[in-house]
Amino acid sequence: MISLIWSLTLAAGIRFIANYALALSRPSLLARLNPKSRQVPFWQTELEIWRQKLSSRVEMKAKHRRVLYELPELLEMLAVALSAGDSLFAALARVSFKAEGVFATELQKVFLALELGGDMLTEMNALAKRLPQRQVVEFASKVNLGISRGSPLVEMILEQSKTARAEIRNDLLRQAGRNETRMLVPLVFLILPVTVLFAIYPSLQLLNVSYI
């Protein structure tokens, strides 16, 4: 029984090593499609793909954070314009072209699409798909709900502005907690060893002194 398990383990190990060697020697997709191009190792292609995925994920996360920080002021400006008697179309025209940022640019796209004959419900759904941040999706859903059911948009937008500010506050607290943890790294691995060394070194030197 033990010999059988040992044989199966050895066979699995040999198969893994063979597959790994084959993957390393296999040319990339670009090299297979264009034989004249420079031969790129398989592992380098895979690493490049994972690097691009990671960088795109980091960029998307940073973009969503910028949108979250821009959202409360823009929502309050929209609520003020709506409460002053403007329609949603006029409020978008008034707010989107006076503001800057990612969310303001997306609102400009919505306004231009409406000017070309687009539908508000369709454009709000397109906004949520282009910018799948949670607060933006909620904003698009509330606008569609207000248009389809006649709900008061001003109150819903102001309420979402308060929710976005609370989320920003929680994000800042989380970021402060992470920074506090990072500050312990140089303290533990740099400052504390040097302090201990300065405390111990005179004692070691005193022990090495010969009084004879």
N, C-alpha and C. Protein backbone atom coordinates (compact mmCIF):
# COMPACT_ATOMS: atom_id res chain seq x y z
N MET A 1 0.83 -1.21 0.00
CA MET A 1 0.00 0.00 0.00
C MET A 1 0.87 1.26 0.00
N ILE A 2 1.92 1.24 0.83
CA ILE A 2 2.81 2.40 0.90
C ILE A 2 3.56 2.58 -0.42
N SER A 3 3.96 1.47 -1.02
CA SER A 3 4.66 1.56 -2.30
C SER A 3 3.75 2.10 -3.39
N LEU A 4 2.46 1.75 -3.35
CA LEU A 4 1.51 2.26 -4.33
C LEU A 4 1.34 3.77 -4.20
N ILE A 5 1.20 4.23 -2.96
CA ILE A 5 1.06 5.68 -2.73
C ILE A 5 2.32 6.41 -3.16
N TRP A 6 3.48 5.84 -2.87
CA TRP A 6 4.74 6.46 -3.27
C TRP A 6 4.86 6.52 -4.79
N SER A 7 4.42 5.48 -5.50
CA SER A 7 4.47 5.47 -6.96
C SER A 7 3.54 6.52 -7.55
N LEU A 8 2.33 6.63 -7.00
CA LEU A 8 1.38 7.64 -7.49
C LEU A 8 1.91 9.05 -7.24
N THR A 9 2.50 9.29 -6.09
CA THR A 9 3.06 10.61 -5.79
C THR A 9 4.21 10.94 -6.72
N LEU A 10 5.07 9.94 -6.98
CA LEU A 10 6.20 10.17 -7.88
C LEU A 10 5.73 10.45 -9.30
N ALA A 11 4.69 9.73 -9.74
CA ALA A 11 4.15 9.96 -11.08
C ALA A 11 3.52 11.34 -11.20
N ALA A 12 2.80 11.76 -10.16
CA ALA A 12 2.20 13.09 -10.18
C ALA A 12 3.27 14.18 -10.21
N GLY A 13 4.35 13.98 -9.45
CA GLY A 13 5.44 14.96 -9.46
C GLY A 13 6.12 15.05 -10.80
N ILE A 14 6.36 13.89 -11.44
CA ILE A 14 6.99 13.89 -12.77
C ILE A 14 6.08 14.57 -13.79
N ARG A 15 4.77 14.35 -13.69
CA ARG A 15 3.83 14.98 -14.62
C ARG A 15 3.80 16.49 -14.43
N PHE A 16 3.84 16.94 -13.17
CA PHE A 16 3.84 18.39 -12.91
C PHE A 16 5.09 19.04 -13.47
N ILE A 17 6.25 18.42 -13.27
CA ILE A 17 7.51 18.98 -13.78
C ILE A 17 7.50 19.02 -15.30
N ALA A 18 6.95 17.98 -15.93
CA ALA A 18 6.89 17.94 -17.39
C ALA A 18 5.97 19.03 -17.93
N ASN A 19 4.81 19.21 -17.31
CA ASN A 19 3.89 20.26 -17.76
C ASN A 19 4.49 21.64 -17.57
N TYR A 20 5.20 21.85 -16.45
CA TYR A 20 5.82 23.14 -16.21
C TYR A 20 6.92 23.43 -17.23
N ALA A 21 7.71 22.40 -17.55
CA ALA A 21 8.76 22.59 -18.56
C ALA A 21 8.16 22.85 -19.93
N LEU A 22 7.04 22.18 -20.24
CA LEU A 22 6.38 22.42 -21.52
C LEU A 22 5.81 23.83 -21.59
N ALA A 23 5.26 24.31 -20.47
CA ALA A 23 4.71 25.67 -20.45
C ALA A 23 5.80 26.71 -20.63
N LEU A 24 6.96 26.47 -20.04
CA LEU A 24 8.06 27.41 -20.19
C LEU A 24 8.59 27.44 -21.61
N SER A 25 8.58 26.31 -22.27
CA SER A 25 9.12 26.25 -23.63
C SER A 25 8.10 26.60 -24.69
N ARG A 26 6.80 26.73 -24.31
CA ARG A 26 5.76 27.01 -25.29
C ARG A 26 5.81 28.49 -25.68
N PRO A 27 5.74 28.84 -26.94
CA PRO A 27 5.76 30.25 -27.34
C PRO A 27 4.46 30.94 -27.01
N SER A 28 4.52 32.24 -26.96
CA SER A 28 3.33 33.01 -26.63
C SER A 28 2.36 33.03 -27.80
N LEU A 29 1.16 33.56 -27.54
CA LEU A 29 0.15 33.63 -28.58
C LEU A 29 0.58 34.55 -29.70
N LEU A 30 1.23 35.67 -29.37
CA LEU A 30 1.71 36.59 -30.39
C LEU A 30 2.74 35.92 -31.29
N ALA A 31 3.62 35.12 -30.70
CA ALA A 31 4.63 34.45 -31.50
C ALA A 31 4.02 33.38 -32.40
N ARG A 32 2.94 32.71 -31.90
CA ARG A 32 2.29 31.71 -32.75
C ARG A 32 1.54 32.35 -33.90
N LEU A 33 0.95 33.53 -33.67
CA LEU A 33 0.22 34.20 -34.75
C LEU A 33 1.15 34.87 -35.74
N ASN A 34 2.29 35.37 -35.26
CA ASN A 34 3.24 36.06 -36.11
C ASN A 34 4.63 35.46 -35.87
N PRO A 35 5.03 34.50 -36.67
CA PRO A 35 6.32 33.84 -36.42
C PRO A 35 7.51 34.77 -36.54
N LYS A 36 7.36 35.89 -37.26
CA LYS A 36 8.48 36.81 -37.43
C LYS A 36 8.72 37.69 -36.21
N SER A 37 7.75 37.73 -35.31
CA SER A 37 7.91 38.57 -34.13
C SER A 37 8.89 37.94 -33.16
N ARG A 38 9.31 38.73 -32.18
CA ARG A 38 10.28 38.25 -31.20
C ARG A 38 9.63 37.20 -30.31
N GLN A 39 10.34 36.12 -30.09
CA GLN A 39 9.84 35.03 -29.27
C GLN A 39 9.78 35.47 -27.80
N VAL A 40 8.57 35.46 -27.25
CA VAL A 40 8.37 35.84 -25.86
C VAL A 40 8.06 34.58 -25.06
N PRO A 41 8.75 34.33 -23.95
CA PRO A 41 8.46 33.14 -23.15
C PRO A 41 7.02 33.15 -22.64
N PHE A 42 6.50 31.95 -22.42
CA PHE A 42 5.12 31.81 -21.98
C PHE A 42 4.91 32.46 -20.61
N TRP A 43 5.86 32.23 -19.69
CA TRP A 43 5.69 32.77 -18.34
C TRP A 43 5.71 34.29 -18.34
N GLN A 44 6.48 34.89 -19.26
CA GLN A 44 6.53 36.36 -19.33
C GLN A 44 5.20 36.92 -19.83
N THR A 45 4.58 36.22 -20.78
CA THR A 45 3.27 36.65 -21.26
C THR A 45 2.22 36.57 -20.16
N GLU A 46 2.25 35.48 -19.40
CA GLU A 46 1.29 35.33 -18.32
C GLU A 46 1.50 36.40 -17.25
N LEU A 47 2.73 36.69 -16.91
CA LEU A 47 3.01 37.74 -15.93
C LEU A 47 2.52 39.11 -16.41
N GLU A 48 2.69 39.37 -17.71
CA GLU A 48 2.22 40.65 -18.26
C GLU A 48 0.70 40.75 -18.19
N ILE A 49 0.02 39.64 -18.45
CA ILE A 49 -1.45 39.64 -18.38
C ILE A 49 -1.91 39.91 -16.95
N TRP A 50 -1.27 39.24 -15.98
CA TRP A 50 -1.65 39.46 -14.58
C TRP A 50 -1.30 40.88 -14.13
N ARG A 51 -0.20 41.43 -14.64
CA ARG A 51 0.17 42.80 -14.28
C ARG A 51 -0.86 43.79 -14.81
N GLN A 52 -1.32 43.58 -16.04
CA GLN A 52 -2.32 44.47 -16.61
C GLN A 52 -3.64 44.36 -15.86
N LYS A 53 -4.02 43.14 -15.46
CA LYS A 53 -5.26 42.97 -14.69
C LYS A 53 -5.16 43.68 -13.35
N LEU A 54 -4.02 43.54 -12.69
CA LEU A 54 -3.84 44.17 -11.39
C LEU A 54 -3.83 45.69 -11.51
N SER A 55 -3.15 46.22 -12.53
CA SER A 55 -3.11 47.68 -12.70
C SER A 55 -4.48 48.24 -13.05
N SER A 56 -5.23 47.52 -13.91
CA SER A 56 -6.58 47.98 -14.25
C SER A 56 -7.49 47.96 -13.03
N ARG A 57 -7.32 46.95 -12.18
CA ARG A 57 -8.14 46.88 -10.96
C ARG A 57 -7.80 48.02 -10.01
N VAL A 58 -6.52 48.34 -9.89
CA VAL A 58 -6.11 49.44 -9.01
C VAL A 58 -6.62 50.78 -9.56
N GLU A 59 -6.52 50.96 -10.89
CA GLU A 59 -7.02 52.20 -11.50
C GLU A 59 -8.53 52.34 -11.33
N MET A 60 -9.26 51.23 -11.50
CA MET A 60 -10.71 51.29 -11.33
C MET A 60 -11.08 51.62 -9.89
N LYS A 61 -10.35 51.06 -8.93
CA LYS A 61 -10.62 51.35 -7.53
C LYS A 61 -10.36 52.82 -7.22
N ALA A 62 -9.26 53.36 -7.74
CA ALA A 62 -8.96 54.78 -7.53
C ALA A 62 -9.99 55.68 -8.20
N LYS A 63 -10.46 55.28 -9.37
CA LYS A 63 -11.49 56.05 -10.07
C LYS A 63 -12.79 56.07 -9.27
N HIS A 64 -13.18 54.92 -8.73
CA HIS A 64 -14.40 54.86 -7.92
C HIS A 64 -14.27 55.71 -6.66
N ARG A 65 -13.08 55.75 -6.08
CA ARG A 65 -12.89 56.59 -4.89
C ARG A 65 -13.00 58.07 -5.24
N ARG A 66 -12.44 58.47 -6.40
CA ARG A 66 -12.57 59.87 -6.81
C ARG A 66 -14.04 60.23 -7.04
N VAL A 67 -14.79 59.31 -7.65
CA VAL A 67 -16.21 59.56 -7.88
C VAL A 67 -16.95 59.71 -6.56
N LEU A 68 -16.62 58.88 -5.58
CA LEU A 68 -17.27 58.97 -4.28
C LEU A 68 -17.01 60.31 -3.63
N TYR A 69 -15.79 60.83 -3.75
CA TYR A 69 -15.46 62.11 -3.13
C TYR A 69 -16.07 63.29 -3.89
N GLU A 70 -16.35 63.11 -5.17
CA GLU A 70 -16.97 64.18 -5.96
C GLU A 70 -18.49 64.20 -5.81
N LEU A 71 -19.07 63.07 -5.44
CA LEU A 71 -20.51 62.90 -5.53
C LEU A 71 -21.33 63.81 -4.63
N PRO A 72 -21.00 63.98 -3.34
CA PRO A 72 -21.91 64.77 -2.47
C PRO A 72 -22.15 66.19 -2.95
N GLU A 73 -21.10 66.89 -3.36
CA GLU A 73 -21.27 68.28 -3.80
C GLU A 73 -22.12 68.36 -5.07
N LEU A 74 -21.88 67.45 -6.02
CA LEU A 74 -22.66 67.47 -7.25
C LEU A 74 -24.12 67.14 -6.97
N LEU A 75 -24.36 66.20 -6.08
CA LEU A 75 -25.75 65.87 -5.74
C LEU A 75 -26.44 67.04 -5.07
N GLU A 76 -25.75 67.73 -4.20
CA GLU A 76 -26.36 68.91 -3.55
C GLU A 76 -26.63 70.02 -4.56
N MET A 77 -25.72 70.20 -5.53
CA MET A 77 -25.97 71.20 -6.57
C MET A 77 -27.17 70.82 -7.42
N LEU A 78 -27.31 69.54 -7.75
CA LEU A 78 -28.49 69.09 -8.49
C LEU A 78 -29.76 69.31 -7.69
N ALA A 79 -29.71 69.02 -6.39
CA ALA A 79 -30.89 69.21 -5.55
C ALA A 79 -31.28 70.68 -5.47
N VAL A 80 -30.30 71.56 -5.38
CA VAL A 80 -30.59 73.00 -5.33
C VAL A 80 -31.22 73.47 -6.64
N ALA A 81 -30.67 73.00 -7.75
CA ALA A 81 -31.24 73.38 -9.05
C ALA A 81 -32.65 72.85 -9.22
N LEU A 82 -32.92 71.64 -8.78
CA LEU A 82 -34.27 71.08 -8.88
C LEU A 82 -35.24 71.80 -7.96
N SER A 83 -34.80 72.13 -6.75
CA SER A 83 -35.68 72.84 -5.82
C SER A 83 -35.95 74.27 -6.27
N ALA A 84 -35.05 74.83 -7.12
CA ALA A 84 -35.28 76.18 -7.65
C ALA A 84 -36.27 76.20 -8.80
N GLY A 85 -36.72 75.03 -9.24
CA GLY A 85 -37.73 74.97 -10.29
C GLY A 85 -37.22 74.45 -11.61
N ASP A 86 -35.94 74.10 -11.74
CA ASP A 86 -35.42 73.54 -12.98
C ASP A 86 -35.88 72.11 -13.16
N SER A 87 -36.02 71.73 -14.40
CA SER A 87 -36.27 70.33 -14.71
C SER A 87 -34.97 69.54 -14.56
N LEU A 88 -35.06 68.22 -14.62
CA LEU A 88 -33.86 67.41 -14.49
C LEU A 88 -32.90 67.67 -15.64
N PHE A 89 -33.44 67.88 -16.83
CA PHE A 89 -32.61 68.18 -18.00
C PHE A 89 -31.87 69.50 -17.80
N ALA A 90 -32.60 70.54 -17.33
CA ALA A 90 -31.97 71.85 -17.10
C ALA A 90 -30.98 71.79 -15.94
N ALA A 91 -31.28 70.98 -14.91
CA ALA A 91 -30.36 70.86 -13.79
C ALA A 91 -29.06 70.18 -14.21
N LEU A 92 -29.15 69.15 -15.06
CA LEU A 92 -27.94 68.51 -15.58
C LEU A 92 -27.12 69.49 -16.40
N ALA A 93 -27.79 70.31 -17.22
CA ALA A 93 -27.07 71.29 -18.02
C ALA A 93 -26.40 72.34 -17.14
N ARG A 94 -27.05 72.73 -16.07
CA ARG A 94 -26.51 73.77 -15.20
C ARG A 94 -25.34 73.26 -14.36
N VAL A 95 -25.42 72.02 -13.89
CA VAL A 95 -24.43 71.51 -12.94
C VAL A 95 -23.25 70.85 -13.64
N SER A 96 -23.51 70.02 -14.64
CA SER A 96 -22.45 69.18 -15.20
C SER A 96 -21.34 69.99 -15.87
N PHE A 97 -21.70 71.10 -16.53
CA PHE A 97 -20.69 71.88 -17.25
C PHE A 97 -20.02 72.92 -16.37
N LYS A 98 -20.46 73.07 -15.13
CA LYS A 98 -19.79 73.98 -14.20
C LYS A 98 -18.90 73.25 -13.22
N ALA A 99 -18.97 71.92 -13.23
CA ALA A 99 -18.17 71.12 -12.30
C ALA A 99 -17.07 70.40 -13.07
N GLU A 100 -16.11 69.88 -12.33
CA GLU A 100 -14.99 69.13 -12.90
C GLU A 100 -14.88 67.79 -12.18
N GLY A 101 -14.33 66.82 -12.89
CA GLY A 101 -14.15 65.52 -12.28
C GLY A 101 -14.73 64.41 -13.13
N VAL A 102 -14.59 63.20 -12.63
CA VAL A 102 -15.04 62.02 -13.37
C VAL A 102 -16.56 61.99 -13.47
N PHE A 103 -17.24 62.20 -12.34
CA PHE A 103 -18.70 62.14 -12.35
C PHE A 103 -19.31 63.28 -13.16
N ALA A 104 -18.71 64.46 -13.09
CA ALA A 104 -19.21 65.58 -13.91
C ALA A 104 -19.06 65.29 -15.39
N THR A 105 -17.96 64.65 -15.79
CA THR A 105 -17.77 64.28 -17.19
C THR A 105 -18.82 63.28 -17.64
N GLU A 106 -19.15 62.33 -16.77
CA GLU A 106 -20.19 61.35 -17.12
C GLU A 106 -21.55 62.01 -17.22
N LEU A 107 -21.83 62.98 -16.36
CA LEU A 107 -23.10 63.71 -16.46
C LEU A 107 -23.16 64.54 -17.74
N GLN A 108 -22.03 65.07 -18.18
CA GLN A 108 -21.99 65.78 -19.45
C GLN A 108 -22.34 64.84 -20.61
N LYS A 109 -21.83 63.62 -20.56
CA LYS A 109 -22.17 62.64 -21.60
C LYS A 109 -23.66 62.34 -21.60
N VAL A 110 -24.24 62.24 -20.40
CA VAL A 110 -25.69 62.00 -20.31
C VAL A 110 -26.45 63.17 -20.91
N PHE A 111 -26.04 64.38 -20.60
CA PHE A 111 -26.74 65.57 -21.13
C PHE A 111 -26.63 65.64 -22.66
N LEU A 112 -25.44 65.38 -23.19
CA LEU A 112 -25.27 65.43 -24.64
C LEU A 112 -26.09 64.35 -25.33
N ALA A 113 -26.18 63.17 -24.72
CA ALA A 113 -27.01 62.11 -25.30
C ALA A 113 -28.48 62.48 -25.26
N LEU A 114 -28.92 63.17 -24.19
CA LEU A 114 -30.30 63.63 -24.14
C LEU A 114 -30.59 64.70 -25.18
N GLU A 115 -29.61 65.56 -25.43
CA GLU A 115 -29.78 66.58 -26.47
C GLU A 115 -29.94 65.96 -27.85
N LEU A 116 -29.31 64.83 -28.06
CA LEU A 116 -29.39 64.15 -29.35
C LEU A 116 -30.62 63.26 -29.47
N GLY A 117 -31.49 63.31 -28.48
CA GLY A 117 -32.74 62.56 -28.56
C GLY A 117 -32.79 61.32 -27.71
N GLY A 118 -31.86 61.15 -26.79
CA GLY A 118 -31.87 59.97 -25.94
C GLY A 118 -32.94 60.03 -24.88
N ASP A 119 -33.19 58.87 -24.28
CA ASP A 119 -34.19 58.75 -23.24
C ASP A 119 -33.49 58.80 -21.88
N MET A 120 -34.12 59.47 -20.89
CA MET A 120 -33.50 59.64 -19.59
C MET A 120 -33.28 58.29 -18.91
N LEU A 121 -34.26 57.41 -18.97
CA LEU A 121 -34.12 56.11 -18.32
C LEU A 121 -32.97 55.31 -18.94
N THR A 122 -32.90 55.32 -20.27
CA THR A 122 -31.84 54.58 -20.96
C THR A 122 -30.48 55.16 -20.64
N GLU A 123 -30.37 56.49 -20.63
CA GLU A 123 -29.08 57.11 -20.37
C GLU A 123 -28.62 56.92 -18.93
N MET A 124 -29.56 56.88 -18.00
CA MET A 124 -29.18 56.62 -16.61
C MET A 124 -28.68 55.18 -16.44
N ASN A 125 -29.33 54.25 -17.13
CA ASN A 125 -28.84 52.87 -17.09
C ASN A 125 -27.45 52.77 -17.73
N ALA A 126 -27.24 53.52 -18.81
CA ALA A 126 -25.92 53.53 -19.45
C ALA A 126 -24.88 54.15 -18.53
N LEU A 127 -25.26 55.18 -17.77
CA LEU A 127 -24.34 55.79 -16.80
C LEU A 127 -23.93 54.78 -15.73
N ALA A 128 -24.89 54.00 -15.24
CA ALA A 128 -24.58 53.00 -14.22
C ALA A 128 -23.68 51.90 -14.78
N LYS A 129 -23.79 51.59 -16.06
CA LYS A 129 -22.92 50.58 -16.66
C LYS A 129 -21.53 51.12 -16.93
N ARG A 130 -21.43 52.39 -17.36
CA ARG A 130 -20.11 52.97 -17.62
C ARG A 130 -19.33 53.19 -16.34
N LEU A 131 -20.04 53.52 -15.27
CA LEU A 131 -19.38 53.84 -14.01
C LEU A 131 -20.05 53.02 -12.90
N PRO A 132 -19.68 51.74 -12.77
CA PRO A 132 -20.38 50.86 -11.82
C PRO A 132 -19.96 51.05 -10.37
N GLN A 133 -19.95 52.30 -9.94
CA GLN A 133 -19.70 52.57 -8.52
C GLN A 133 -21.03 52.51 -7.78
N ARG A 134 -21.02 52.07 -6.54
CA ARG A 134 -22.28 51.79 -5.84
C ARG A 134 -23.16 53.02 -5.70
N GLN A 135 -22.57 54.16 -5.37
CA GLN A 135 -23.36 55.38 -5.22
C GLN A 135 -23.90 55.88 -6.56
N VAL A 136 -23.14 55.69 -7.62
CA VAL A 136 -23.62 56.11 -8.95
C VAL A 136 -24.78 55.23 -9.40
N VAL A 137 -24.66 53.94 -9.16
CA VAL A 137 -25.76 53.02 -9.50
C VAL A 137 -27.01 53.38 -8.71
N GLU A 138 -26.84 53.72 -7.44
CA GLU A 138 -27.98 54.13 -6.61
C GLU A 138 -28.59 55.44 -7.12
N PHE A 139 -27.74 56.38 -7.54
CA PHE A 139 -28.24 57.64 -8.09
C PHE A 139 -29.06 57.41 -9.36
N ALA A 140 -28.54 56.56 -10.26
CA ALA A 140 -29.27 56.26 -11.50
C ALA A 140 -30.60 55.57 -11.19
N SER A 141 -30.62 54.67 -10.22
CA SER A 141 -31.85 53.98 -9.86
C SER A 141 -32.87 54.96 -9.27
N LYS A 142 -32.41 55.90 -8.45
CA LYS A 142 -33.34 56.86 -7.85
C LYS A 142 -33.90 57.81 -8.90
N VAL A 143 -33.08 58.22 -9.85
CA VAL A 143 -33.58 59.08 -10.92
C VAL A 143 -34.63 58.34 -11.75
N ASN A 144 -34.35 57.10 -12.10
CA ASN A 144 -35.33 56.32 -12.86
C ASN A 144 -36.61 56.10 -12.06
N LEU A 145 -36.46 55.87 -10.75
CA LEU A 145 -37.64 55.70 -9.91
C LEU A 145 -38.46 56.98 -9.82
N GLY A 146 -37.76 58.12 -9.71
CA GLY A 146 -38.48 59.38 -9.65
C GLY A 146 -39.19 59.72 -10.94
N ILE A 147 -38.60 59.36 -12.07
CA ILE A 147 -39.23 59.64 -13.35
C ILE A 147 -40.43 58.72 -13.60
N SER A 148 -40.25 57.44 -13.30
CA SER A 148 -41.30 56.46 -13.60
C SER A 148 -42.47 56.53 -12.62
N ARG A 149 -42.21 56.83 -11.35
CA ARG A 149 -43.27 56.81 -10.34
C ARG A 149 -43.62 58.19 -9.80
N GLY A 150 -42.90 59.21 -10.21
CA GLY A 150 -43.21 60.55 -9.75
C GLY A 150 -42.76 60.83 -8.33
N SER A 151 -41.75 60.13 -7.85
CA SER A 151 -41.25 60.37 -6.50
C SER A 151 -40.46 61.68 -6.45
N PRO A 152 -40.44 62.35 -5.29
CA PRO A 152 -39.70 63.63 -5.19
C PRO A 152 -38.19 63.40 -5.29
N LEU A 153 -37.60 63.92 -6.34
CA LEU A 153 -36.18 63.71 -6.57
C LEU A 153 -35.30 64.49 -5.61
N VAL A 154 -35.76 65.67 -5.20
CA VAL A 154 -34.92 66.52 -4.35
C VAL A 154 -34.62 65.83 -3.02
N GLU A 155 -35.64 65.27 -2.41
CA GLU A 155 -35.44 64.62 -1.11
C GLU A 155 -34.55 63.39 -1.26
N MET A 156 -34.77 62.60 -2.31
CA MET A 156 -33.97 61.40 -2.49
C MET A 156 -32.51 61.75 -2.77
N ILE A 157 -32.26 62.80 -3.56
CA ILE A 157 -30.89 63.18 -3.88
C ILE A 157 -30.18 63.74 -2.65
N LEU A 158 -30.88 64.55 -1.85
CA LEU A 158 -30.27 65.06 -0.62
C LEU A 158 -29.96 63.94 0.36
N GLU A 159 -30.86 62.96 0.45
CA GLU A 159 -30.61 61.83 1.33
C GLU A 159 -29.41 61.02 0.87
N GLN A 160 -29.27 60.84 -0.44
CA GLN A 160 -28.10 60.13 -0.94
C GLN A 160 -26.82 60.92 -0.72
N SER A 161 -26.91 62.24 -0.79
CA SER A 161 -25.73 63.07 -0.51
C SER A 161 -25.24 62.85 0.93
N LYS A 162 -26.18 62.76 1.87
CA LYS A 162 -25.79 62.48 3.26
C LYS A 162 -25.18 61.08 3.38
N THR A 163 -25.76 60.12 2.65
CA THR A 163 -25.21 58.76 2.69
C THR A 163 -23.80 58.71 2.12
N ALA A 164 -23.57 59.46 1.02
CA ALA A 164 -22.24 59.49 0.41
C ALA A 164 -21.23 60.13 1.35
N ARG A 165 -21.63 61.18 2.05
CA ARG A 165 -20.71 61.82 3.01
C ARG A 165 -20.37 60.86 4.16
N ALA A 166 -21.35 60.10 4.62
CA ALA A 166 -21.08 59.12 5.67
C ALA A 166 -20.12 58.03 5.18
N GLU A 167 -20.29 57.62 3.93
CA GLU A 167 -19.38 56.62 3.37
C GLU A 167 -17.97 57.18 3.21
N ILE A 168 -17.85 58.44 2.84
CA ILE A 168 -16.53 59.08 2.75
C ILE A 168 -15.87 59.13 4.13
N ARG A 169 -16.66 59.46 5.15
CA ARG A 169 -16.12 59.51 6.51
C ARG A 169 -15.63 58.13 6.95
N ASN A 170 -16.39 57.10 6.65
CA ASN A 170 -15.95 55.74 7.01
C ASN A 170 -14.71 55.32 6.22
N ASP A 171 -14.63 55.74 4.96
CA ASP A 171 -13.44 55.42 4.16
C ASP A 171 -12.20 56.11 4.71
N LEU A 172 -12.36 57.35 5.15
CA LEU A 172 -11.22 58.06 5.75
C LEU A 172 -10.78 57.42 7.06
N LEU A 173 -11.75 56.93 7.84
CA LEU A 173 -11.38 56.26 9.08
C LEU A 173 -10.64 54.95 8.81
N ARG A 174 -11.09 54.20 7.79
CA ARG A 174 -10.39 52.97 7.43
C ARG A 174 -8.98 53.28 6.93
N GLN A 175 -8.86 54.32 6.12
CA GLN A 175 -7.54 54.69 5.61
C GLN A 175 -6.62 55.15 6.74
N ALA A 176 -7.17 55.86 7.71
CA ALA A 176 -6.35 56.28 8.86
C ALA A 176 -5.90 55.07 9.67
N GLY A 177 -6.76 54.08 9.82
CA GLY A 177 -6.37 52.87 10.53
C GLY A 177 -5.26 52.11 9.82
N ARG A 178 -5.35 52.03 8.48
CA ARG A 178 -4.28 51.36 7.73
C ARG A 178 -2.97 52.13 7.83
N ASN A 179 -3.04 53.45 7.79
CA ASN A 179 -1.81 54.24 7.91
C ASN A 179 -1.19 54.11 9.30
N GLU A 180 -2.04 53.98 10.31
CA GLU A 180 -1.51 53.79 11.66
C GLU A 180 -0.76 52.46 11.77
N THR A 181 -1.30 51.43 11.12
CA THR A 181 -0.61 50.13 11.12
C THR A 181 0.70 50.20 10.35
N ARG A 182 0.71 50.93 9.24
CA ARG A 182 1.94 51.06 8.45
C ARG A 182 3.02 51.83 9.21
N MET A 183 2.60 52.76 10.06
CA MET A 183 3.58 53.53 10.82
C MET A 183 4.32 52.67 11.84
N LEU A 184 3.73 51.54 12.22
CA LEU A 184 4.40 50.66 13.18
C LEU A 184 5.56 49.90 12.55
N VAL A 185 5.56 49.76 11.22
CA VAL A 185 6.61 48.98 10.56
C VAL A 185 7.99 49.60 10.77
N PRO A 186 8.23 50.88 10.44
CA PRO A 186 9.57 51.44 10.73
C PRO A 186 9.87 51.53 12.22
N LEU A 187 8.82 51.68 13.04
CA LEU A 187 9.05 51.76 14.49
C LEU A 187 9.58 50.44 15.03
N VAL A 188 9.00 49.33 14.57
CA VAL A 188 9.38 48.01 15.10
C VAL A 188 10.68 47.52 14.48
N PHE A 189 10.86 47.73 13.17
CA PHE A 189 11.99 47.13 12.48
C PHE A 189 13.20 48.06 12.33
N LEU A 190 13.05 49.35 12.64
CA LEU A 190 14.17 50.27 12.47
C LEU A 190 14.50 51.03 13.76
N ILE A 191 13.52 51.73 14.28
CA ILE A 191 13.79 52.59 15.43
C ILE A 191 14.02 51.76 16.69
N LEU A 192 13.18 50.76 16.94
CA LEU A 192 13.33 49.95 18.14
C LEU A 192 14.64 49.17 18.18
N PRO A 193 15.09 48.50 17.09
CA PRO A 193 16.39 47.83 17.16
C PRO A 193 17.56 48.79 17.40
N VAL A 194 17.51 49.98 16.79
CA VAL A 194 18.59 50.95 17.01
C VAL A 194 18.59 51.42 18.46
N THR A 195 17.41 51.62 19.03
CA THR A 195 17.33 52.04 20.44
C THR A 195 17.89 50.96 21.36
N VAL A 196 17.54 49.71 21.09
CA VAL A 196 18.07 48.60 21.91
C VAL A 196 19.58 48.50 21.75
N LEU A 197 20.07 48.70 20.52
CA LEU A 197 21.52 48.64 20.29
C LEU A 197 22.26 49.72 21.06
N PHE A 198 21.71 50.93 21.05
CA PHE A 198 22.35 52.02 21.80
C PHE A 198 22.30 51.77 23.31
N ALA A 199 21.29 51.04 23.76
CA ALA A 199 21.20 50.76 25.19
C ALA A 199 22.14 49.63 25.61
N ILE A 200 22.36 48.66 24.73
CA ILE A 200 23.16 47.49 25.09
C ILE A 200 24.65 47.71 24.82
N TYR A 201 24.98 48.49 23.79
CA TYR A 201 26.38 48.62 23.37
C TYR A 201 27.30 49.15 24.47
N PRO A 202 26.93 50.19 25.23
CA PRO A 202 27.84 50.63 26.31
C PRO A 202 28.07 49.55 27.36
N SER A 203 27.03 48.77 27.65
CA SER A 203 27.21 47.70 28.63
C SER A 203 28.16 46.63 28.12
N LEU A 204 28.06 46.28 26.84
CA LEU A 204 28.98 45.29 26.27
C LEU A 204 30.42 45.81 26.28
N GLN A 205 30.57 47.10 25.95
CA GLN A 205 31.91 47.67 25.98
C GLN A 205 32.48 47.69 27.40
N LEU A 206 31.63 47.95 28.37
CA LEU A 206 32.09 47.95 29.76
C LEU A 206 32.49 46.56 30.22
N LEU A 207 31.80 45.53 29.75
CA LEU A 207 32.16 44.17 30.12
C LEU A 207 33.47 43.74 29.49
N ASN A 208 33.79 44.31 28.34
CA ASN A 208 35.04 43.93 27.66
C ASN A 208 36.25 44.68 28.19
N VAL A 209 36.06 45.65 29.06
CA VAL A 209 37.17 46.41 29.61
C VAL A 209 37.94 45.55 30.61
N SER A 210 39.20 45.52 30.47
CA SER A 210 40.05 44.74 31.40
C SER A 210 40.64 45.70 32.44
N TYR A 211 40.49 45.38 33.71
CA TYR A 211 40.98 46.23 34.79
C TYR A 211 42.37 45.80 35.29
N ILE A 212 42.97 44.84 34.63
CA ILE A 212 44.29 44.35 35.05
C ILE A 212 45.38 45.17 34.35
